[in-house]
Amino acid sequence: MKTLRDLLLLVAEQEEKNQGKMVQYLFRIDTRYGWFTVLQEMKYFDEDGDEQIKDEVILDGRIDSPEELQICYYTVLTKCRK
């Protein structure tokens, strides 16, 4: 069973791997309400040369039960690895 500590360590590892990549993963952890969000952010330039940012929610889940924490952990493990 994965714990909140395991999830935080995995997020820290992924943040380190994100450096300098075109596609970034942003993590929000709200311990007050037990909420965990993962966003995929992609920066690109349109035909006018303006920088554009596209955000997509990968996961918006709860972390206040062991079962939901497992879902969050394995979603980060499988979808945010490059």
PDB file of N, CA and C in Angstrom:
ATOM      1  N   MET A   1       0.847  -1.191   0.000  1.00  0.00           N
ATOM      2  CA  MET A   1       0.000   0.000   0.000  1.00  0.00           C
ATOM      3  C   MET A   1       0.885   1.244   0.000  1.00  0.00           C
ATOM      4  N   LYS A   2       0.624   2.115  -0.945  1.00  0.00           N
ATOM      5  CA  LYS A   2       1.373   3.363  -1.018  1.00  0.00           C
ATOM      6  C   LYS A   2       0.793   4.367  -0.035  1.00  0.00           C
ATOM      7  N   THR A   3       1.663   5.229   0.486  1.00  0.00           N
ATOM      8  CA  THR A   3       1.261   6.229   1.472  1.00  0.00           C
ATOM      9  C   THR A   3       1.382   7.626   0.870  1.00  0.00           C
ATOM     10  N   LEU A   4       0.931   8.612   1.616  1.00  0.00           N
ATOM     11  CA  LEU A   4       1.064  10.002   1.177  1.00  0.00           C
ATOM     12  C   LEU A   4       2.536  10.362   1.000  1.00  0.00           C
ATOM     13  N   ARG A   5       3.379   9.825   1.854  1.00  0.00           N
ATOM     14  CA  ARG A   5       4.824  10.052   1.732  1.00  0.00           C
ATOM     15  C   ARG A   5       5.346   9.516   0.398  1.00  0.00           C
ATOM     16  N   ASP A   6       4.914   8.337   0.006  1.00  0.00           N
ATOM     17  CA  ASP A   6       5.317   7.758  -1.283  1.00  0.00           C
ATOM     18  C   ASP A   6       4.870   8.648  -2.446  1.00  0.00           C
ATOM     19  N   LEU A   7       3.655   9.170  -2.355  1.00  0.00           N
ATOM     20  CA  LEU A   7       3.142  10.051  -3.403  1.00  0.00           C
ATOM     21  C   LEU A   7       3.977  11.328  -3.484  1.00  0.00           C
ATOM     22  N   LEU A   8       4.309  11.900  -2.349  1.00  0.00           N
ATOM     23  CA  LEU A   8       5.125  13.121  -2.331  1.00  0.00           C
ATOM     24  C   LEU A   8       6.519  12.878  -2.897  1.00  0.00           C
ATOM     25  N   LEU A   9       7.116  11.743  -2.581  1.00  0.00           N
ATOM     26  CA  LEU A   9       8.434  11.403  -3.133  1.00  0.00           C
ATOM     27  C   LEU A   9       8.363  11.216  -4.647  1.00  0.00           C
ATOM     28  N   LEU A  10       7.302  10.584  -5.132  1.00  0.00           N
ATOM     29  CA  LEU A  10       7.125  10.397  -6.565  1.00  0.00           C
ATOM     30  C   LEU A  10       6.925  11.744  -7.266  1.00  0.00           C
ATOM     31  N   VAL A  11       6.150  12.630  -6.674  1.00  0.00           N
ATOM     32  CA  VAL A  11       5.939  13.966  -7.238  1.00  0.00           C
ATOM     33  C   VAL A  11       7.264  14.726  -7.290  1.00  0.00           C
ATOM     34  N   ALA A  12       8.052  14.643  -6.237  1.00  0.00           N
ATOM     35  CA  ALA A  12       9.362  15.319  -6.218  1.00  0.00           C
ATOM     36  C   ALA A  12      10.264  14.771  -7.324  1.00  0.00           C
ATOM     37  N   GLU A  13      10.264  13.470  -7.518  1.00  0.00           N
ATOM     38  CA  GLU A  13      11.058  12.845  -8.576  1.00  0.00           C
ATOM     39  C   GLU A  13      10.600  13.319  -9.955  1.00  0.00           C
ATOM     40  N   GLN A  14       9.289  13.390 -10.158  1.00  0.00           N
ATOM     41  CA  GLN A  14       8.756  13.824 -11.449  1.00  0.00           C
ATOM     42  C   GLN A  14       9.041  15.302 -11.702  1.00  0.00           C
ATOM     43  N   GLU A  15       8.989  16.118 -10.660  1.00  0.00           N
ATOM     44  CA  GLU A  15       9.313  17.538 -10.800  1.00  0.00           C
ATOM     45  C   GLU A  15      10.756  17.714 -11.273  1.00  0.00           C
ATOM     46  N   GLU A  16      11.642  16.896 -10.750  1.00  0.00           N
ATOM     47  CA  GLU A  16      13.049  16.956 -11.158  1.00  0.00           C
ATOM     48  C   GLU A  16      13.205  16.551 -12.625  1.00  0.00           C
ATOM     49  N   LYS A  17      12.465  15.547 -13.064  1.00  0.00           N
ATOM     50  CA  LYS A  17      12.543  15.083 -14.452  1.00  0.00           C
ATOM     51  C   LYS A  17      11.877  16.054 -15.425  1.00  0.00           C
ATOM     52  N   ASN A  18      10.998  16.922 -14.928  1.00  0.00           N
ATOM     53  CA  ASN A  18      10.281  17.890 -15.756  1.00  0.00           C
ATOM     54  C   ASN A  18      11.173  19.004 -16.284  1.00  0.00           C
ATOM     55  N   GLN A  19      12.264  19.265 -15.621  1.00  0.00           N
ATOM     56  CA  GLN A  19      13.092  20.429 -15.947  1.00  0.00           C
ATOM     57  C   GLN A  19      13.496  20.448 -17.416  1.00  0.00           C
ATOM     58  N   GLY A  20      13.167  21.564 -18.097  1.00  0.00           N
ATOM     59  CA  GLY A  20      13.584  21.760 -19.476  1.00  0.00           C
ATOM     60  C   GLY A  20      12.789  21.016 -20.530  1.00  0.00           C
ATOM     61  N   LYS A  21      11.711  20.364 -20.162  1.00  0.00           N
ATOM     62  CA  LYS A  21      10.900  19.609 -21.121  1.00  0.00           C
ATOM     63  C   LYS A  21       9.801  20.491 -21.704  1.00  0.00           C
ATOM     64  N   MET A  22       9.376  20.185 -22.914  1.00  0.00           N
ATOM     65  CA  MET A  22       8.298  20.931 -23.552  1.00  0.00           C
ATOM     66  C   MET A  22       6.967  20.674 -22.846  1.00  0.00           C
ATOM     67  N   VAL A  23       6.748  19.437 -22.457  1.00  0.00           N
ATOM     68  CA  VAL A  23       5.535  19.070 -21.728  1.00  0.00           C
ATOM     69  C   VAL A  23       5.894  18.986 -20.253  1.00  0.00           C
ATOM     70  N   GLN A  24       5.210  19.785 -19.449  1.00  0.00           N
ATOM     71  CA  GLN A  24       5.447  19.817 -18.005  1.00  0.00           C
ATOM     72  C   GLN A  24       4.230  19.226 -17.290  1.00  0.00           C
ATOM     73  N   TYR A  25       4.481  18.613 -16.161  1.00  0.00           N
ATOM     74  CA  TYR A  25       3.398  18.132 -15.316  1.00  0.00           C
ATOM     75  C   TYR A  25       3.396  18.969 -14.054  1.00  0.00           C
ATOM     76  N   LEU A  26       2.246  19.528 -13.729  1.00  0.00           N
ATOM     77  CA  LEU A  26       2.094  20.368 -12.552  1.00  0.00           C
ATOM     78  C   LEU A  26       1.260  19.611 -11.531  1.00  0.00           C
ATOM     79  N   PHE A  27       1.723  19.634 -10.287  1.00  0.00           N
ATOM     80  CA  PHE A  27       1.062  18.883  -9.220  1.00  0.00           C
ATOM     81  C   PHE A  27       0.552  19.846  -8.161  1.00  0.00           C
ATOM     82  N   ARG A  28      -0.688  19.652  -7.745  1.00  0.00           N
ATOM     83  CA  ARG A  28      -1.264  20.444  -6.657  1.00  0.00           C
ATOM     84  C   ARG A  28      -1.763  19.473  -5.592  1.00  0.00           C
ATOM     85  N   ILE A  29      -1.266  19.673  -4.392  1.00  0.00           N
ATOM     86  CA  ILE A  29      -1.692  18.823  -3.280  1.00  0.00           C
ATOM     87  C   ILE A  29      -2.324  19.712  -2.217  1.00  0.00           C
ATOM     88  N   ASP A  30      -3.572  19.441  -1.900  1.00  0.00           N
ATOM     89  CA  ASP A  30      -4.301  20.202  -0.896  1.00  0.00           C
ATOM     90  C   ASP A  30      -4.577  19.258   0.279  1.00  0.00           C
ATOM     91  N   THR A  31      -3.754  19.350   1.312  1.00  0.00           N
ATOM     92  CA  THR A  31      -3.909  18.435   2.448  1.00  0.00           C
ATOM     93  C   THR A  31      -5.066  18.832   3.363  1.00  0.00           C
ATOM     94  N   ARG A  32      -5.480  20.058   3.275  1.00  0.00           N
ATOM     95  CA  ARG A  32      -6.621  20.485   4.102  1.00  0.00           C
ATOM     96  C   ARG A  32      -7.903  19.777   3.676  1.00  0.00           C
ATOM     97  N   TYR A  33      -8.122  19.701   2.364  1.00  0.00           N
ATOM     98  CA  TYR A  33      -9.340  19.080   1.854  1.00  0.00           C
ATOM     99  C   TYR A  33      -9.104  17.697   1.253  1.00  0.00           C
ATOM    100  N   GLY A  34      -7.851  17.250   1.262  1.00  0.00           N
ATOM    101  CA  GLY A  34      -7.548  15.910   0.762  1.00  0.00           C
ATOM    102  C   GLY A  34      -7.685  15.775  -0.737  1.00  0.00           C
ATOM    103  N   TRP A  35      -7.205  16.769  -1.465  1.00  0.00           N
ATOM    104  CA  TRP A  35      -7.373  16.791  -2.911  1.00  0.00           C
ATOM    105  C   TRP A  35      -6.025  16.775  -3.610  1.00  0.00           C
ATOM    106  N   PHE A  36      -5.940  16.113  -4.756  1.00  0.00           N
ATOM    107  CA  PHE A  36      -4.702  15.998  -5.535  1.00  0.00           C
ATOM    108  C   PHE A  36      -5.034  16.209  -7.012  1.00  0.00           C
ATOM    109  N   THR A  37      -4.314  17.130  -7.644  1.00  0.00           N
ATOM    110  CA  THR A  37      -4.567  17.449  -9.051  1.00  0.00           C
ATOM    111  C   THR A  37      -3.268  17.363  -9.831  1.00  0.00           C
ATOM    112  N   VAL A  38      -3.347  16.786 -11.019  1.00  0.00           N
ATOM    113  CA  VAL A  38      -2.209  16.736 -11.938  1.00  0.00           C
ATOM    114  C   VAL A  38      -2.638  17.409 -13.236  1.00  0.00           C
ATOM    115  N   LEU A  39      -1.860  18.397 -13.652  1.00  0.00           N
ATOM    116  CA  LEU A  39      -2.103  19.082 -14.915  1.00  0.00           C
ATOM    117  C   LEU A  39      -0.951  18.812 -15.860  1.00  0.00           C
ATOM    118  N   GLN A  40      -1.266  18.664 -17.128  1.00  0.00           N
ATOM    119  CA  GLN A  40      -0.241  18.557 -18.160  1.00  0.00           C
ATOM    120  C   GLN A  40      -0.239  19.896 -18.884  1.00  0.00           C
ATOM    121  N   GLU A  41       0.922  20.542 -18.903  1.00  0.00           N
ATOM    122  CA  GLU A  41       1.037  21.851 -19.532  1.00  0.00           C
ATOM    123  C   GLU A  41       2.002  21.753 -20.700  1.00  0.00           C
ATOM    124  N   MET A  42       1.567  22.240 -21.863  1.00  0.00           N
ATOM    125  CA  MET A  42       2.421  22.213 -23.039  1.00  0.00           C
ATOM    126  C   MET A  42       2.553  23.638 -23.570  1.00  0.00           C
ATOM    127  N   LYS A  43       3.803  24.071 -23.741  1.00  0.00           N
ATOM    128  CA  LYS A  43       4.064  25.396 -24.295  1.00  0.00           C
ATOM    129  C   LYS A  43       4.464  25.240 -25.748  1.00  0.00           C
ATOM    130  N   TYR A  44       3.899  26.091 -26.580  1.00  0.00           N
ATOM    131  CA  TYR A  44       4.222  26.058 -28.004  1.00  0.00           C
ATOM    132  C   TYR A  44       4.027  27.458 -28.576  1.00  0.00           C
ATOM    133  N   PHE A  45       4.468  27.663 -29.804  1.00  0.00           N
ATOM    134  CA  PHE A  45       4.331  28.949 -30.476  1.00  0.00           C
ATOM    135  C   PHE A  45       3.342  28.802 -31.629  1.00  0.00           C
ATOM    136  N   ASP A  46       2.414  29.755 -31.724  1.00  0.00           N
ATOM    137  CA  ASP A  46       1.448  29.716 -32.828  1.00  0.00           C
ATOM    138  C   ASP A  46       2.076  30.309 -34.091  1.00  0.00           C
ATOM    139  N   GLU A  47       1.293  30.398 -35.163  1.00  0.00           N
ATOM    140  CA  GLU A  47       1.832  30.865 -36.444  1.00  0.00           C
ATOM    141  C   GLU A  47       2.271  32.334 -36.409  1.00  0.00           C
ATOM    142  N   ASP A  48       1.792  33.113 -35.431  1.00  0.00           N
ATOM    143  CA  ASP A  48       2.220  34.508 -35.283  1.00  0.00           C
ATOM    144  C   ASP A  48       3.475  34.642 -34.430  1.00  0.00           C
ATOM    145  N   GLY A  49       3.971  33.530 -33.905  1.00  0.00           N
ATOM    146  CA  GLY A  49       5.159  33.555 -33.065  1.00  0.00           C
ATOM    147  C   GLY A  49       4.872  33.835 -31.599  1.00  0.00           C
ATOM    148  N   ASP A  50       3.585  33.878 -31.225  1.00  0.00           N
ATOM    149  CA  ASP A  50       3.206  34.112 -29.838  1.00  0.00           C
ATOM    150  C   ASP A  50       3.232  32.795 -29.058  1.00  0.00           C
ATOM    151  N   GLU A  51       3.752  32.880 -27.844  1.00  0.00           N
ATOM    152  CA  GLU A  51       3.792  31.678 -27.008  1.00  0.00           C
ATOM    153  C   GLU A  51       2.390  31.346 -26.508  1.00  0.00           C
ATOM    154  N   GLN A  52       2.011  30.102 -26.640  1.00  0.00           N
ATOM    155  CA  GLN A  52       0.723  29.612 -26.189  1.00  0.00           C
ATOM    156  C   GLN A  52       0.947  28.513 -25.151  1.00  0.00           C
ATOM    157  N   ILE A  53       0.015  28.396 -24.228  1.00  0.00           N
ATOM    158  CA  ILE A  53       0.086  27.354 -23.209  1.00  0.00           C
ATOM    159  C   ILE A  53      -1.234  26.592 -23.216  1.00  0.00           C
ATOM    160  N   LYS A  54      -1.119  25.284 -23.320  1.00  0.00           N
ATOM    161  CA  LYS A  54      -2.302  24.422 -23.290  1.00  0.00           C
ATOM    162  C   LYS A  54      -2.238  23.575 -22.022  1.00  0.00           C
ATOM    163  N   ASP A  55      -3.272  23.663 -21.210  1.00  0.00           N
ATOM    164  CA  ASP A  55      -3.363  22.873 -19.980  1.00  0.00           C
ATOM    165  C   ASP A  55      -4.417  21.789 -20.140  1.00  0.00           C
ATOM    166  N   GLU A  56      -4.121  20.626 -19.594  1.00  0.00           N
ATOM    167  CA  GLU A  56      -5.083  19.524 -19.600  1.00  0.00           C
ATOM    168  C   GLU A  56      -5.025  18.851 -18.237  1.00  0.00           C
ATOM    169  N   VAL A  57      -6.187  18.633 -17.642  1.00  0.00           N
ATOM    170  CA  VAL A  57      -6.248  17.953 -16.347  1.00  0.00           C
ATOM    171  C   VAL A  57      -6.086  16.462 -16.583  1.00  0.00           C
ATOM    172  N   ILE A  58      -5.041  15.885 -15.997  1.00  0.00           N
ATOM    173  CA  ILE A  58      -4.790  14.446 -16.090  1.00  0.00           C
ATOM    174  C   ILE A  58      -5.531  13.712 -14.970  1.00  0.00           C
ATOM    175  N   LEU A  59      -5.531  14.320 -13.792  1.00  0.00           N
ATOM    176  CA  LEU A  59      -6.156  13.689 -12.631  1.00  0.00           C
ATOM    177  C   LEU A  59      -6.651  14.761 -11.680  1.00  0.00           C
ATOM    178  N   ASP A  60      -7.830  14.585 -11.169  1.00  0.00           N
ATOM    179  CA  ASP A  60      -8.393  15.434 -10.130  1.00  0.00           C
ATOM    180  C   ASP A  60      -9.004  14.474  -9.125  1.00  0.00           C
ATOM    181  N   GLY A  61      -8.235  14.094  -8.125  1.00  0.00           N
ATOM    182  CA  GLY A  61      -8.693  13.031  -7.233  1.00  0.00           C
ATOM    183  C   GLY A  61      -8.501  13.326  -5.766  1.00  0.00           C
ATOM    184  N   ARG A  62      -9.064  12.486  -4.957  1.00  0.00           N
ATOM    185  CA  ARG A  62      -8.984  12.612  -3.509  1.00  0.00           C
ATOM    186  C   ARG A  62      -7.811  11.789  -2.979  1.00  0.00           C
ATOM    187  N   ILE A  63      -7.275  12.233  -1.862  1.00  0.00           N
ATOM    188  CA  ILE A  63      -6.192  11.476  -1.226  1.00  0.00           C
ATOM    189  C   ILE A  63      -6.519  11.184   0.241  1.00  0.00           C
ATOM    190  N   ASP A  64      -7.789  11.247   0.590  1.00  0.00           N
ATOM    191  CA  ASP A  64      -8.161  11.062   1.991  1.00  0.00           C
ATOM    192  C   ASP A  64      -8.560   9.634   2.349  1.00  0.00           C
ATOM    193  N   SER A  65      -8.406   8.708   1.402  1.00  0.00           N
ATOM    194  CA  SER A  65      -8.602   7.295   1.736  1.00  0.00           C
ATOM    195  C   SER A  65      -7.478   6.500   1.073  1.00  0.00           C
ATOM    196  N   PRO A  66      -7.127   5.351   1.638  1.00  0.00           N
ATOM    197  CA  PRO A  66      -6.040   4.554   1.057  1.00  0.00           C
ATOM    198  C   PRO A  66      -6.298   4.144  -0.390  1.00  0.00           C
ATOM    199  N   GLU A  67      -7.537   3.821  -0.715  1.00  0.00           N
ATOM    200  CA  GLU A  67      -7.861   3.392  -2.076  1.00  0.00           C
ATOM    201  C   GLU A  67      -7.662   4.530  -3.075  1.00  0.00           C
ATOM    202  N   GLU A  68      -8.142   5.714  -2.728  1.00  0.00           N
ATOM    203  CA  GLU A  68      -8.016   6.859  -3.622  1.00  0.00           C
ATOM    204  C   GLU A  68      -6.559   7.295  -3.752  1.00  0.00           C
ATOM    205  N   LEU A  69      -5.800   7.159  -2.683  1.00  0.00           N
ATOM    206  CA  LEU A  69      -4.378   7.476  -2.712  1.00  0.00           C
ATOM    207  C   LEU A  69      -3.631   6.557  -3.681  1.00  0.00           C
ATOM    208  N   GLN A  70      -4.023   5.285  -3.732  1.00  0.00           N
ATOM    209  CA  GLN A  70      -3.403   4.341  -4.675  1.00  0.00           C
ATOM    210  C   GLN A  70      -3.655   4.766  -6.115  1.00  0.00           C
ATOM    211  N   ILE A  71      -4.879   5.192  -6.395  1.00  0.00           N
ATOM    212  CA  ILE A  71      -5.225   5.649  -7.741  1.00  0.00           C
ATOM    213  C   ILE A  71      -4.371   6.846  -8.133  1.00  0.00           C
ATOM    214  N   CYS A  72      -4.224   7.798  -7.229  1.00  0.00           N
ATOM    215  CA  CYS A  72      -3.404   8.982  -7.498  1.00  0.00           C
ATOM    216  C   CYS A  72      -1.949   8.588  -7.747  1.00  0.00           C
ATOM    217  N   TYR A  73      -1.410   7.728  -6.899  1.00  0.00           N
ATOM    218  CA  TYR A  73      -0.015   7.317  -7.032  1.00  0.00           C
ATOM    219  C   TYR A  73       0.234   6.639  -8.378  1.00  0.00           C
ATOM    220  N   TYR A  74      -0.596   5.676  -8.721  1.00  0.00           N
ATOM    221  CA  TYR A  74      -0.356   4.919  -9.946  1.00  0.00           C
ATOM    222  C   TYR A  74      -0.683   5.716 -11.207  1.00  0.00           C
ATOM    223  N   THR A  75      -1.561   6.710 -11.103  1.00  0.00           N
ATOM    224  CA  THR A  75      -1.792   7.608 -12.236  1.00  0.00           C
ATOM    225  C   THR A  75      -0.545   8.433 -12.515  1.00  0.00           C
ATOM    226  N   VAL A  76       0.065   8.987 -11.478  1.00  0.00           N
ATOM    227  CA  VAL A  76       1.319   9.741 -11.650  1.00  0.00           C
ATOM    228  C   VAL A  76       2.406   8.817 -12.174  1.00  0.00           C
ATOM    229  N   LEU A  77       2.496   7.631 -11.629  1.00  0.00           N
ATOM    230  CA  LEU A  77       3.530   6.683 -12.042  1.00  0.00           C
ATOM    231  C   LEU A  77       3.418   6.311 -13.515  1.00  0.00           C
ATOM    232  N   THR A  78       2.209   6.119 -14.008  1.00  0.00           N
ATOM    233  CA  THR A  78       2.042   5.649 -15.383  1.00  0.00           C
ATOM    234  C   THR A  78       1.871   6.766 -16.405  1.00  0.00           C
ATOM    235  N   LYS A  79       1.204   7.853 -16.047  1.00  0.00           N
ATOM    236  CA  LYS A  79       0.917   8.881 -17.042  1.00  0.00           C
ATOM    237  C   LYS A  79       1.918  10.023 -17.079  1.00  0.00           C
ATOM    238  N   CYS A  80       2.698  10.196 -16.035  1.00  0.00           N
ATOM    239  CA  CYS A  80       3.607  11.342 -15.970  1.00  0.00           C
ATOM    240  C   CYS A  80       5.060  10.961 -16.177  1.00  0.00           C
ATOM    241  N   ARG A  81       5.332   9.736 -16.505  1.00  0.00           N
ATOM    242  CA  ARG A  81       6.710   9.294 -16.741  1.00  0.00           C
ATOM    243  C   ARG A  81       7.086   9.520 -18.181  1.00  0.00           C
ATOM    244  N   LYS A  82       8.252  10.048 -18.391  1.00  0.00           N
ATOM    245  CA  LYS A  82       8.757  10.249 -19.763  1.00  0.00           C
ATOM    246  C   LYS A  82      10.070   9.530 -19.918  1.00  0.00           C
TER     247      LYS A  82
END
